[in-house]
Amino acid sequence: NLTFPVTTTSPPPTTQAVPIAVEYNIVDGLTHSFNDAVNVSVPVGSSLIRVLEKARDLYPVRFSFSVTSTQWGPLLTTVRNLTASTETRTYWQLLSGTEPLDQGIGDYKPKDGERIVANYSQY
């Protein structure tokens, strides 16, 4: 009797990153014209700008935004037609819950279950 070795092939390891859930809120903290939230899923390790992009993909008008390139990375300048301005001393404050972020949208990496707030504010 001849015996042949049994070979099994296992599927290749998945390279798809595990998704995390992030709640993204946009708030007009000055005139209170809107206060919206959306839950998005992004791959673990994604930067905050990916959360904003995913929200915009789901709701293009409600979660529209634009950024300006700076030497420190992308700066969130406009959300839903409200634009930050030095003339009016307005800006988009980014928070994790109620705590200000210490990094910008290009560097900050949200955690699973985190609540991110973009709050239109004045200084």
N, C-alpha and C. Protein backbone atom coordinates (compact mmCIF):
# COMPACT_ATOMS: atom_id res chain seq x y z
N ASN A 1 0.83 -1.19 0.00
CA ASN A 1 0.00 0.00 0.00
C ASN A 1 0.87 1.25 0.00
N LEU A 2 0.47 2.17 -0.83
CA LEU A 2 1.16 3.45 -0.86
C LEU A 2 0.40 4.46 -0.02
N THR A 3 1.11 5.25 0.77
CA THR A 3 0.47 6.31 1.55
C THR A 3 0.97 7.65 1.03
N PHE A 4 0.04 8.52 0.84
CA PHE A 4 0.39 9.86 0.38
C PHE A 4 0.17 10.84 1.53
N PRO A 5 1.06 11.79 1.65
CA PRO A 5 0.86 12.78 2.71
C PRO A 5 -0.42 13.59 2.45
N VAL A 6 -1.10 13.88 3.51
CA VAL A 6 -2.32 14.69 3.39
C VAL A 6 -1.92 16.15 3.52
N THR A 7 -2.33 16.93 2.54
CA THR A 7 -2.03 18.36 2.61
C THR A 7 -3.34 19.12 2.76
N THR A 8 -3.31 20.04 3.65
CA THR A 8 -4.49 20.89 3.83
C THR A 8 -4.05 22.33 3.60
N THR A 9 -4.93 23.06 3.03
CA THR A 9 -4.63 24.48 2.83
C THR A 9 -5.61 25.28 3.67
N SER A 10 -5.06 26.17 4.42
CA SER A 10 -5.92 27.04 5.22
C SER A 10 -6.03 28.37 4.51
N PRO A 11 -7.13 29.06 4.69
CA PRO A 11 -7.27 30.35 4.02
C PRO A 11 -6.21 31.33 4.50
N PRO A 12 -5.81 32.24 3.64
CA PRO A 12 -4.81 33.22 4.07
C PRO A 12 -5.36 34.09 5.19
N PRO A 13 -4.49 34.57 6.06
CA PRO A 13 -4.97 35.43 7.15
C PRO A 13 -5.62 36.69 6.57
N THR A 14 -6.64 37.14 7.24
CA THR A 14 -7.34 38.32 6.74
C THR A 14 -6.49 39.55 7.01
N THR A 15 -6.44 40.40 6.02
CA THR A 15 -5.69 41.64 6.18
C THR A 15 -6.64 42.79 6.46
N GLN A 16 -7.92 42.51 6.41
CA GLN A 16 -8.92 43.54 6.69
C GLN A 16 -8.85 43.91 8.18
N ALA A 17 -8.72 45.19 8.45
CA ALA A 17 -8.65 45.64 9.83
C ALA A 17 -10.02 45.48 10.50
N VAL A 18 -10.00 45.20 11.76
CA VAL A 18 -11.22 45.06 12.54
C VAL A 18 -11.89 46.43 12.65
N PRO A 19 -13.20 46.51 12.38
CA PRO A 19 -13.85 47.82 12.48
C PRO A 19 -14.12 48.22 13.93
N ILE A 20 -14.13 49.52 14.14
CA ILE A 20 -14.55 50.07 15.43
C ILE A 20 -15.74 50.98 15.17
N ALA A 21 -16.55 51.19 16.20
CA ALA A 21 -17.71 52.07 16.10
C ALA A 21 -17.39 53.39 16.78
N VAL A 22 -17.67 54.48 16.07
CA VAL A 22 -17.42 55.82 16.60
C VAL A 22 -18.68 56.65 16.41
N GLU A 23 -19.10 57.36 17.45
CA GLU A 23 -20.21 58.30 17.33
C GLU A 23 -19.62 59.66 17.01
N TYR A 24 -20.07 60.26 15.90
CA TYR A 24 -19.57 61.56 15.48
C TYR A 24 -20.71 62.57 15.57
N ASN A 25 -20.46 63.65 16.31
CA ASN A 25 -21.46 64.70 16.53
C ASN A 25 -20.96 66.01 15.95
N ILE A 26 -21.86 66.74 15.30
CA ILE A 26 -21.54 68.10 14.85
C ILE A 26 -22.53 69.04 15.52
N VAL A 27 -22.00 70.10 16.11
CA VAL A 27 -22.82 71.01 16.91
C VAL A 27 -22.50 72.44 16.54
N ASP A 28 -23.53 73.22 16.23
CA ASP A 28 -23.36 74.66 16.10
C ASP A 28 -23.49 75.22 17.51
N GLY A 29 -22.37 75.43 18.17
CA GLY A 29 -22.38 75.89 19.54
C GLY A 29 -22.64 77.38 19.69
N LEU A 30 -22.77 78.11 18.57
CA LEU A 30 -23.00 79.55 18.64
C LEU A 30 -24.45 79.92 18.41
N THR A 31 -25.01 79.55 17.25
CA THR A 31 -26.41 79.92 16.97
C THR A 31 -27.36 78.74 17.14
N HIS A 32 -26.81 77.58 17.44
CA HIS A 32 -27.60 76.37 17.70
C HIS A 32 -28.49 75.98 16.51
N SER A 33 -27.99 76.20 15.29
CA SER A 33 -28.77 75.88 14.10
C SER A 33 -28.80 74.37 13.80
N PHE A 34 -27.86 73.61 14.37
CA PHE A 34 -27.90 72.16 14.21
C PHE A 34 -27.13 71.46 15.33
N ASN A 35 -27.53 70.22 15.55
CA ASN A 35 -26.88 69.32 16.51
C ASN A 35 -27.20 67.92 16.01
N ASP A 36 -26.29 67.34 15.24
CA ASP A 36 -26.54 66.04 14.62
C ASP A 36 -25.49 65.03 15.04
N ALA A 37 -25.89 63.77 15.00
CA ALA A 37 -24.97 62.68 15.35
C ALA A 37 -25.17 61.53 14.38
N VAL A 38 -24.10 60.79 14.16
CA VAL A 38 -24.14 59.59 13.33
C VAL A 38 -23.14 58.59 13.89
N ASN A 39 -23.49 57.32 13.82
CA ASN A 39 -22.56 56.26 14.21
C ASN A 39 -21.92 55.70 12.95
N VAL A 40 -20.60 55.64 12.94
CA VAL A 40 -19.88 55.11 11.79
C VAL A 40 -18.92 54.01 12.22
N SER A 41 -18.60 53.14 11.29
CA SER A 41 -17.60 52.09 11.51
C SER A 41 -16.41 52.38 10.62
N VAL A 42 -15.24 52.36 11.22
CA VAL A 42 -13.99 52.55 10.49
C VAL A 42 -13.00 51.49 10.96
N PRO A 43 -12.00 51.16 10.15
CA PRO A 43 -11.00 50.19 10.60
C PRO A 43 -10.25 50.70 11.83
N VAL A 44 -9.91 49.80 12.73
CA VAL A 44 -9.14 50.17 13.91
C VAL A 44 -7.84 50.83 13.45
N GLY A 45 -7.43 51.88 14.13
CA GLY A 45 -6.22 52.60 13.76
C GLY A 45 -6.45 53.73 12.77
N SER A 46 -7.70 53.92 12.35
CA SER A 46 -8.01 55.01 11.41
C SER A 46 -7.87 56.36 12.10
N SER A 47 -7.48 57.36 11.34
CA SER A 47 -7.42 58.71 11.89
C SER A 47 -8.82 59.32 11.88
N LEU A 48 -8.98 60.38 12.63
CA LEU A 48 -10.28 61.04 12.76
C LEU A 48 -10.82 61.51 11.43
N ILE A 49 -9.96 61.92 10.51
CA ILE A 49 -10.47 62.39 9.22
C ILE A 49 -11.24 61.29 8.50
N ARG A 50 -10.88 60.03 8.73
CA ARG A 50 -11.61 58.90 8.12
C ARG A 50 -13.02 58.82 8.69
N VAL A 51 -13.20 59.13 9.97
CA VAL A 51 -14.53 59.15 10.58
C VAL A 51 -15.38 60.23 9.90
N LEU A 52 -14.80 61.42 9.70
CA LEU A 52 -15.51 62.50 9.03
C LEU A 52 -15.88 62.12 7.60
N GLU A 53 -14.96 61.46 6.90
CA GLU A 53 -15.23 61.04 5.53
C GLU A 53 -16.35 60.01 5.48
N LYS A 54 -16.34 59.08 6.42
CA LYS A 54 -17.38 58.04 6.46
C LYS A 54 -18.74 58.66 6.75
N ALA A 55 -18.79 59.62 7.68
CA ALA A 55 -20.05 60.31 7.97
C ALA A 55 -20.55 61.05 6.73
N ARG A 56 -19.64 61.70 6.02
CA ARG A 56 -20.01 62.42 4.79
C ARG A 56 -20.49 61.44 3.72
N ASP A 57 -19.86 60.27 3.64
CA ASP A 57 -20.32 59.26 2.67
C ASP A 57 -21.76 58.85 2.95
N LEU A 58 -22.11 58.73 4.23
CA LEU A 58 -23.46 58.32 4.62
C LEU A 58 -24.48 59.44 4.42
N TYR A 59 -24.11 60.67 4.78
CA TYR A 59 -25.01 61.83 4.72
C TYR A 59 -24.24 63.01 4.13
N PRO A 60 -24.16 63.08 2.78
CA PRO A 60 -23.28 64.07 2.13
C PRO A 60 -23.56 65.53 2.46
N VAL A 61 -24.81 65.90 2.67
CA VAL A 61 -25.12 67.31 2.97
C VAL A 61 -24.96 67.58 4.46
N ARG A 62 -25.59 66.77 5.27
CA ARG A 62 -25.59 66.99 6.71
C ARG A 62 -24.19 66.97 7.31
N PHE A 63 -23.33 66.07 6.83
CA PHE A 63 -21.98 65.94 7.39
C PHE A 63 -20.90 66.39 6.41
N SER A 64 -21.23 67.38 5.57
CA SER A 64 -20.23 67.93 4.66
C SER A 64 -19.16 68.66 5.48
N PHE A 65 -17.94 68.66 4.95
CA PHE A 65 -16.85 69.35 5.64
C PHE A 65 -15.75 69.68 4.65
N SER A 66 -14.89 70.60 5.03
CA SER A 66 -13.69 70.87 4.25
C SER A 66 -12.54 71.13 5.21
N VAL A 67 -11.35 70.90 4.69
CA VAL A 67 -10.13 71.09 5.48
C VAL A 67 -9.18 72.00 4.72
N THR A 68 -8.28 72.61 5.46
CA THR A 68 -7.19 73.39 4.90
C THR A 68 -5.90 72.69 5.28
N SER A 69 -5.00 72.56 4.31
CA SER A 69 -3.70 71.95 4.61
C SER A 69 -2.82 72.96 5.33
N THR A 70 -2.21 72.52 6.43
CA THR A 70 -1.28 73.36 7.18
C THR A 70 0.00 72.56 7.39
N GLN A 71 1.02 73.22 7.90
CA GLN A 71 2.27 72.50 8.18
C GLN A 71 2.10 71.47 9.29
N TRP A 72 1.03 71.58 10.06
CA TRP A 72 0.76 70.63 11.15
C TRP A 72 -0.21 69.54 10.74
N GLY A 73 -0.66 69.57 9.48
CA GLY A 73 -1.62 68.58 9.00
C GLY A 73 -2.93 69.25 8.64
N PRO A 74 -3.94 68.45 8.26
CA PRO A 74 -5.22 69.03 7.85
C PRO A 74 -5.93 69.71 9.02
N LEU A 75 -6.49 70.89 8.74
CA LEU A 75 -7.23 71.66 9.74
C LEU A 75 -8.69 71.70 9.31
N LEU A 76 -9.58 71.28 10.20
CA LEU A 76 -11.01 71.31 9.91
C LEU A 76 -11.47 72.77 9.89
N THR A 77 -11.92 73.24 8.73
CA THR A 77 -12.31 74.64 8.60
C THR A 77 -13.80 74.85 8.42
N THR A 78 -14.47 73.91 7.74
CA THR A 78 -15.90 74.08 7.47
C THR A 78 -16.64 72.78 7.74
N VAL A 79 -17.75 72.90 8.43
CA VAL A 79 -18.68 71.79 8.61
C VAL A 79 -20.06 72.33 8.28
N ARG A 80 -20.73 71.65 7.38
CA ARG A 80 -22.09 72.02 6.99
C ARG A 80 -22.24 73.53 6.76
N ASN A 81 -21.36 74.08 5.96
CA ASN A 81 -21.39 75.49 5.54
C ASN A 81 -21.09 76.49 6.65
N LEU A 82 -20.64 76.05 7.80
CA LEU A 82 -20.16 76.98 8.83
C LEU A 82 -18.64 76.95 8.79
N THR A 83 -18.05 78.09 8.44
CA THR A 83 -16.60 78.16 8.24
C THR A 83 -15.92 78.91 9.37
N ALA A 84 -14.85 78.32 9.87
CA ALA A 84 -14.02 78.97 10.88
C ALA A 84 -13.39 80.21 10.27
N SER A 85 -13.21 81.25 11.10
CA SER A 85 -12.69 82.50 10.57
C SER A 85 -11.97 83.28 11.66
N THR A 86 -10.81 83.85 11.30
CA THR A 86 -10.11 84.71 12.26
C THR A 86 -10.86 86.03 12.44
N GLU A 87 -11.56 86.48 11.40
CA GLU A 87 -12.32 87.74 11.51
C GLU A 87 -13.42 87.64 12.55
N THR A 88 -14.15 86.51 12.55
CA THR A 88 -15.23 86.34 13.53
C THR A 88 -14.77 85.56 14.76
N ARG A 89 -13.47 85.22 14.78
CA ARG A 89 -12.87 84.48 15.90
C ARG A 89 -13.60 83.16 16.17
N THR A 90 -13.94 82.45 15.09
CA THR A 90 -14.64 81.17 15.21
C THR A 90 -13.73 80.03 14.78
N TYR A 91 -13.99 78.86 15.34
CA TYR A 91 -13.22 77.66 15.00
C TYR A 91 -14.04 76.42 15.31
N TRP A 92 -13.59 75.29 14.78
CA TRP A 92 -14.21 74.01 15.08
C TRP A 92 -13.40 73.32 16.18
N GLN A 93 -13.98 73.28 17.38
CA GLN A 93 -13.34 72.63 18.52
C GLN A 93 -13.64 71.13 18.44
N LEU A 94 -12.61 70.31 18.55
CA LEU A 94 -12.78 68.86 18.50
C LEU A 94 -12.64 68.28 19.90
N LEU A 95 -13.61 67.45 20.26
CA LEU A 95 -13.67 66.89 21.61
C LEU A 95 -13.85 65.38 21.55
N SER A 96 -13.33 64.71 22.57
CA SER A 96 -13.67 63.32 22.84
C SER A 96 -14.58 63.37 24.06
N GLY A 97 -15.87 63.18 23.83
CA GLY A 97 -16.83 63.41 24.90
C GLY A 97 -16.85 64.89 25.22
N THR A 98 -16.32 65.27 26.40
CA THR A 98 -16.24 66.69 26.77
C THR A 98 -14.80 67.18 26.85
N GLU A 99 -13.84 66.30 26.53
CA GLU A 99 -12.42 66.66 26.64
C GLU A 99 -11.85 67.09 25.29
N PRO A 100 -11.22 68.27 25.22
CA PRO A 100 -10.60 68.71 23.96
C PRO A 100 -9.52 67.73 23.50
N LEU A 101 -9.47 67.50 22.19
CA LEU A 101 -8.43 66.63 21.63
C LEU A 101 -7.10 67.37 21.64
N ASP A 102 -6.02 66.63 21.83
CA ASP A 102 -4.69 67.24 21.80
C ASP A 102 -4.00 66.98 20.46
N GLN A 103 -4.74 66.44 19.49
CA GLN A 103 -4.21 66.20 18.15
C GLN A 103 -5.28 66.61 17.15
N GLY A 104 -4.86 66.80 15.90
CA GLY A 104 -5.78 67.18 14.84
C GLY A 104 -6.43 65.98 14.17
N ILE A 105 -7.27 66.26 13.16
CA ILE A 105 -8.02 65.19 12.51
C ILE A 105 -7.14 64.23 11.71
N GLY A 106 -5.95 64.67 11.33
CA GLY A 106 -5.06 63.79 10.59
C GLY A 106 -4.28 62.84 11.47
N ASP A 107 -4.11 63.18 12.74
CA ASP A 107 -3.30 62.38 13.66
C ASP A 107 -4.10 61.62 14.71
N TYR A 108 -5.21 62.19 15.16
CA TYR A 108 -5.96 61.57 16.25
C TYR A 108 -6.60 60.27 15.78
N LYS A 109 -6.48 59.22 16.58
CA LYS A 109 -7.05 57.91 16.25
C LYS A 109 -8.12 57.56 17.28
N PRO A 110 -9.39 57.66 16.89
CA PRO A 110 -10.48 57.35 17.83
C PRO A 110 -10.46 55.88 18.26
N LYS A 111 -11.02 55.65 19.43
CA LYS A 111 -11.12 54.30 19.98
C LYS A 111 -12.54 53.78 19.79
N ASP A 112 -12.68 52.47 19.91
CA ASP A 112 -13.99 51.84 19.77
C ASP A 112 -14.95 52.40 20.82
N GLY A 113 -16.13 52.81 20.39
CA GLY A 113 -17.15 53.33 21.30
C GLY A 113 -16.98 54.79 21.66
N GLU A 114 -15.97 55.45 21.10
CA GLU A 114 -15.70 56.85 21.44
C GLU A 114 -16.74 57.79 20.82
N ARG A 115 -17.01 58.88 21.53
CA ARG A 115 -17.91 59.93 21.04
C ARG A 115 -17.05 61.14 20.70
N ILE A 116 -17.02 61.49 19.42
CA ILE A 116 -16.25 62.63 18.93
C ILE A 116 -17.22 63.76 18.62
N VAL A 117 -16.89 64.97 19.08
CA VAL A 117 -17.75 66.13 18.85
C VAL A 117 -16.95 67.20 18.11
N ALA A 118 -17.53 67.72 17.04
CA ALA A 118 -17.01 68.92 16.37
C ALA A 118 -17.96 70.05 16.75
N ASN A 119 -17.48 70.98 17.57
CA ASN A 119 -18.32 72.04 18.13
C ASN A 119 -17.88 73.40 17.58
N TYR A 120 -18.79 74.06 16.86
CA TYR A 120 -18.50 75.39 16.31
C TYR A 120 -18.47 76.38 17.47
N SER A 121 -17.31 77.00 17.68
CA SER A 121 -17.09 77.80 18.88
C SER A 121 -16.43 79.13 18.53
N GLN A 122 -16.34 79.98 19.54
CA GLN A 122 -15.71 81.29 19.39
C GLN A 122 -14.64 81.45 20.47
N TYR A 123 -13.56 82.14 20.11
CA TYR A 123 -12.50 82.40 21.08
C TYR A 123 -12.37 83.88 21.34
